[in-house]
Amino acid sequence: MKKIVFVAALMASVMGLKAQNCEQLMLPYFRGDADAMAAYPQEKLEWRCAFARAAFYVSDTVPAGVDVYPITEVQSYADGTNLPADFVVDLSTLSFYAYTFKEVQLRYPKCNVTIAFSTPASEHQYLILRSINDMYAIAEGQSKMER
């Protein structure tokens, strides 16, 4: 039963992911260098984009047992500033690679930890950062569906 639920969630995630702009999500990975991004192998770029798309979802509730951090704990790699308390989430442009979300994930010794960030100024109260394992599984699932 758990597998069926996970597969259904994976399919729903993949359908919603298509709306996200790969260029905006990936450019921070290349530190804003569009030429480097254009030179990157297309298949790898698509997988990394799928990984970035899989990183987040928004919710009005926190999954059971998930730690919640204020969004202000997240910093921008571009200028080192923390996100403001009134940060408004836009999943179509929010890049996993532009902010210190990975560093928050690495606070945990295992790769199966989902984390929530409170985002009171957003339409939904929480930004949920999927576990590294889930991000990989969704990216892999999307890659297989596209082949």
C-alpha atoms as a PDB file:
ATOM      1  CA  MET A   1       0.000   0.000   0.000  1.00  0.00           C
ATOM      2  CA  LYS A   2       2.850   2.400   0.832  1.00  0.00           C
ATOM      3  CA  LYS A   3       4.338   1.852  -2.632  1.00  0.00           C
ATOM      4  CA  ILE A   4       1.033   2.671  -4.319  1.00  0.00           C
ATOM      5  CA  VAL A   5       0.716   5.892  -2.347  1.00  0.00           C
ATOM      6  CA  PHE A   6       4.330   6.832  -3.134  1.00  0.00           C
ATOM      7  CA  VAL A   7       3.876   6.104  -6.862  1.00  0.00           C
ATOM      8  CA  ALA A   8       0.683   8.201  -6.919  1.00  0.00           C
ATOM      9  CA  ALA A   9       2.484  11.048  -5.156  1.00  0.00           C
ATOM     10  CA  LEU A  10       5.394  10.694  -7.575  1.00  0.00           C
ATOM     11  CA  MET A  11       3.072  10.916 -10.578  1.00  0.00           C
ATOM     12  CA  ALA A  12       1.293  13.976  -9.167  1.00  0.00           C
ATOM     13  CA  SER A  13       4.636  15.618  -8.461  1.00  0.00           C
ATOM     14  CA  VAL A  14       5.924  14.967 -11.959  1.00  0.00           C
ATOM     15  CA  MET A  15       2.772  16.427 -13.503  1.00  0.00           C
ATOM     16  CA  GLY A  16       3.112  19.578 -11.417  1.00  0.00           C
ATOM     17  CA  LEU A  17       6.829  19.859 -12.083  1.00  0.00           C
ATOM     18  CA  LYS A  18       6.464  20.518 -15.787  1.00  0.00           C
ATOM     19  CA  ALA A  19       5.279  24.057 -15.022  1.00  0.00           C
ATOM     20  CA  GLN A  20       8.544  24.991 -13.343  1.00  0.00           C
ATOM     21  CA  ASN A  21      11.093  26.899 -15.407  1.00  0.00           C
ATOM     22  CA  CYS A  22      14.212  24.780 -15.761  1.00  0.00           C
ATOM     23  CA  GLU A  23      16.433  27.684 -16.763  1.00  0.00           C
ATOM     24  CA  GLN A  24      15.522  29.706 -13.658  1.00  0.00           C
ATOM     25  CA  LEU A  25      15.931  26.676 -11.416  1.00  0.00           C
ATOM     26  CA  MET A  26      19.294  25.668 -12.869  1.00  0.00           C
ATOM     27  CA  LEU A  27      21.084  28.974 -13.497  1.00  0.00           C
ATOM     28  CA  PRO A  28      22.092  29.281  -9.809  1.00  0.00           C
ATOM     29  CA  TYR A  29      23.733  25.837 -10.070  1.00  0.00           C
ATOM     30  CA  PHE A  30      26.064  27.409 -12.650  1.00  0.00           C
ATOM     31  CA  ARG A  31      26.501  30.606 -10.595  1.00  0.00           C
ATOM     32  CA  GLY A  32      24.559  32.584 -13.205  1.00  0.00           C
ATOM     33  CA  ASP A  33      26.779  31.517 -16.113  1.00  0.00           C
ATOM     34  CA  ALA A  34      24.351  30.826 -18.988  1.00  0.00           C
ATOM     35  CA  ASP A  35      27.195  29.724 -21.275  1.00  0.00           C
ATOM     36  CA  ALA A  36      28.311  27.071 -18.780  1.00  0.00           C
ATOM     37  CA  MET A  37      24.733  25.871 -18.490  1.00  0.00           C
ATOM     38  CA  ALA A  38      24.398  25.689 -22.293  1.00  0.00           C
ATOM     39  CA  ALA A  39      27.616  23.660 -22.513  1.00  0.00           C
ATOM     40  CA  TYR A  40      26.516  21.175 -19.834  1.00  0.00           C
ATOM     41  CA  PRO A  41      25.402  17.756 -21.181  1.00  0.00           C
ATOM     42  CA  GLN A  42      21.647  17.978 -21.872  1.00  0.00           C
ATOM     43  CA  GLU A  43      20.750  14.674 -20.190  1.00  0.00           C
ATOM     44  CA  LYS A  44      22.568  15.655 -17.000  1.00  0.00           C
ATOM     45  CA  LEU A  45      20.983  19.108 -17.071  1.00  0.00           C
ATOM     46  CA  GLU A  46      17.516  17.589 -17.367  1.00  0.00           C
ATOM     47  CA  TRP A  47      18.190  15.231 -14.453  1.00  0.00           C
ATOM     48  CA  ARG A  48      19.507  18.037 -12.233  1.00  0.00           C
ATOM     49  CA  CYS A  49      16.505  20.141 -13.182  1.00  0.00           C
ATOM     50  CA  ALA A  50      14.187  17.261 -12.250  1.00  0.00           C
ATOM     51  CA  PHE A  51      16.038  17.006  -8.926  1.00  0.00           C
ATOM     52  CA  ALA A  52      15.576  20.743  -8.304  1.00  0.00           C
ATOM     53  CA  ARG A  53      11.893  20.531  -9.259  1.00  0.00           C
ATOM     54  CA  ALA A  54      11.409  17.667  -6.841  1.00  0.00           C
ATOM     55  CA  ALA A  55      12.881  19.572  -3.904  1.00  0.00           C
ATOM     56  CA  PHE A  56       9.800  21.414  -2.686  1.00  0.00           C
ATOM     57  CA  TYR A  57       6.092  21.511  -2.253  1.00  0.00           C
ATOM     58  CA  VAL A  58       3.859  23.854  -0.287  1.00  0.00           C
ATOM     59  CA  SER A  59       1.340  22.924   2.384  1.00  0.00           C
ATOM     60  CA  ASP A  60      -0.900  24.380   5.044  1.00  0.00           C
ATOM     61  CA  THR A  61       0.034  21.561   7.405  1.00  0.00           C
ATOM     62  CA  VAL A  62       3.288  19.978   8.481  1.00  0.00           C
ATOM     63  CA  PRO A  63       3.719  16.230   7.971  1.00  0.00           C
ATOM     64  CA  ALA A  64       3.917  14.315  11.239  1.00  0.00           C
ATOM     65  CA  GLY A  65       7.358  14.274  12.833  1.00  0.00           C
ATOM     66  CA  VAL A  66       8.841  16.918  10.537  1.00  0.00           C
ATOM     67  CA  ASP A  67      11.035  19.646  12.028  1.00  0.00           C
ATOM     68  CA  VAL A  68       9.971  23.215  11.237  1.00  0.00           C
ATOM     69  CA  TYR A  69      12.414  26.078  10.740  1.00  0.00           C
ATOM     70  CA  PRO A  70      11.679  29.728  10.042  1.00  0.00           C
ATOM     71  CA  ILE A  71      12.382  30.587   6.399  1.00  0.00           C
ATOM     72  CA  THR A  72      14.812  33.197   7.740  1.00  0.00           C
ATOM     73  CA  GLU A  73      17.322  30.386   8.463  1.00  0.00           C
ATOM     74  CA  VAL A  74      17.892  29.972   4.738  1.00  0.00           C
ATOM     75  CA  GLN A  75      20.572  32.089   3.068  1.00  0.00           C
ATOM     76  CA  SER A  76      21.137  33.160  -0.506  1.00  0.00           C
ATOM     77  CA  TYR A  77      24.358  31.904  -2.071  1.00  0.00           C
ATOM     78  CA  ALA A  78      24.458  35.039  -4.250  1.00  0.00           C
ATOM     79  CA  ASP A  79      24.873  37.550  -1.446  1.00  0.00           C
ATOM     80  CA  GLY A  80      24.832  35.609   1.830  1.00  0.00           C
ATOM     81  CA  THR A  81      21.692  37.303   3.128  1.00  0.00           C
ATOM     82  CA  ASN A  82      19.000  35.403   4.931  1.00  0.00           C
ATOM     83  CA  LEU A  83      15.584  35.136   3.356  1.00  0.00           C
ATOM     84  CA  PRO A  84      13.206  37.683   4.883  1.00  0.00           C
ATOM     85  CA  ALA A  85      10.380  36.692   7.213  1.00  0.00           C
ATOM     86  CA  ASP A  86       7.921  37.980   4.605  1.00  0.00           C
ATOM     87  CA  PHE A  87       9.382  35.774   1.840  1.00  0.00           C
ATOM     88  CA  VAL A  88       6.682  34.641  -0.590  1.00  0.00           C
ATOM     89  CA  VAL A  89       7.179  31.185  -2.100  1.00  0.00           C
ATOM     90  CA  ASP A  90       6.931  30.819  -5.868  1.00  0.00           C
ATOM     91  CA  LEU A  91       7.698  27.211  -6.758  1.00  0.00           C
ATOM     92  CA  SER A  92       8.111  28.045 -10.442  1.00  0.00           C
ATOM     93  CA  THR A  93      11.241  30.070  -9.670  1.00  0.00           C
ATOM     94  CA  LEU A  94      12.477  28.886  -6.253  1.00  0.00           C
ATOM     95  CA  SER A  95      15.778  27.158  -6.911  1.00  0.00           C
ATOM     96  CA  PHE A  96      17.172  24.540  -4.568  1.00  0.00           C
ATOM     97  CA  TYR A  97      20.600  25.562  -5.887  1.00  0.00           C
ATOM     98  CA  ALA A  98      20.249  29.278  -5.080  1.00  0.00           C
ATOM     99  CA  TYR A  99      19.889  28.918  -1.313  1.00  0.00           C
ATOM    100  CA  THR A 100      21.325  26.939   1.601  1.00  0.00           C
ATOM    101  CA  PHE A 101      18.577  24.314   1.680  1.00  0.00           C
ATOM    102  CA  LYS A 102      21.130  21.520   1.225  1.00  0.00           C
ATOM    103  CA  GLU A 103      23.053  22.714   4.281  1.00  0.00           C
ATOM    104  CA  VAL A 104      19.871  22.439   6.340  1.00  0.00           C
ATOM    105  CA  GLN A 105      19.366  18.891   5.022  1.00  0.00           C
ATOM    106  CA  LEU A 106      22.944  18.012   5.950  1.00  0.00           C
ATOM    107  CA  ARG A 107      22.246  18.802   9.606  1.00  0.00           C
ATOM    108  CA  TYR A 108      20.652  15.360   9.693  1.00  0.00           C
ATOM    109  CA  PRO A 109      22.775  12.194   9.527  1.00  0.00           C
ATOM    110  CA  LYS A 110      20.357  10.373   7.218  1.00  0.00           C
ATOM    111  CA  CYS A 111      19.027  11.236   3.769  1.00  0.00           C
ATOM    112  CA  ASN A 112      15.407  10.362   4.547  1.00  0.00           C
ATOM    113  CA  VAL A 113      14.465  13.496   6.501  1.00  0.00           C
ATOM    114  CA  THR A 114      11.786  15.883   5.259  1.00  0.00           C
ATOM    115  CA  ILE A 115      11.999  19.454   6.563  1.00  0.00           C
ATOM    116  CA  ALA A 116       9.447  22.267   6.735  1.00  0.00           C
ATOM    117  CA  PHE A 117       9.971  26.015   6.661  1.00  0.00           C
ATOM    118  CA  SER A 118       7.349  28.399   7.956  1.00  0.00           C
ATOM    119  CA  THR A 119       6.380  30.933   5.298  1.00  0.00           C
ATOM    120  CA  PRO A 120       3.627  33.036   6.867  1.00  0.00           C
ATOM    121  CA  ALA A 121       3.572  35.605   4.027  1.00  0.00           C
ATOM    122  CA  SER A 122       2.931  32.931   1.384  1.00  0.00           C
ATOM    123  CA  GLU A 123      -0.367  31.530   0.184  1.00  0.00           C
ATOM    124  CA  HIS A 124       0.484  28.316   2.042  1.00  0.00           C
ATOM    125  CA  GLN A 125       1.961  28.401   5.531  1.00  0.00           C
ATOM    126  CA  TYR A 126       4.807  25.941   4.918  1.00  0.00           C
ATOM    127  CA  LEU A 127       7.437  25.221   2.332  1.00  0.00           C
ATOM    128  CA  ILE A 128       8.240  21.531   2.552  1.00  0.00           C
ATOM    129  CA  LEU A 129      11.725  20.394   1.557  1.00  0.00           C
ATOM    130  CA  ARG A 130      11.567  16.744   0.586  1.00  0.00           C
ATOM    131  CA  SER A 131      14.200  14.345   1.825  1.00  0.00           C
ATOM    132  CA  ILE A 132      17.250  13.807  -0.360  1.00  0.00           C
ATOM    133  CA  ASN A 133      16.066  10.225  -0.941  1.00  0.00           C
ATOM    134  CA  ASP A 134      12.650  11.413  -2.148  1.00  0.00           C
ATOM    135  CA  MET A 135      14.221  14.063  -4.371  1.00  0.00           C
ATOM    136  CA  TYR A 136      16.389  11.397  -6.033  1.00  0.00           C
ATOM    137  CA  ALA A 137      13.464   8.993  -6.419  1.00  0.00           C
ATOM    138  CA  ILE A 138      11.261  11.645  -8.035  1.00  0.00           C
ATOM    139  CA  ALA A 139      14.064  12.789 -10.363  1.00  0.00           C
ATOM    140  CA  GLU A 140      14.766   9.202 -11.362  1.00  0.00           C
ATOM    141  CA  GLY A 141      11.066   8.523 -11.891  1.00  0.00           C
ATOM    142  CA  GLN A 142      10.702  11.592 -14.064  1.00  0.00           C
ATOM    143  CA  SER A 143      13.793  10.666 -16.087  1.00  0.00           C
ATOM    144  CA  LYS A 144      12.403   7.186 -16.761  1.00  0.00           C
ATOM    145  CA  MET A 145       9.010   8.620 -17.773  1.00  0.00           C
ATOM    146  CA  GLU A 146      10.649  10.968 -20.279  1.00  0.00           C
ATOM    147  CA  ARG A 147      12.669   8.222 -21.991  1.00  0.00           C
END
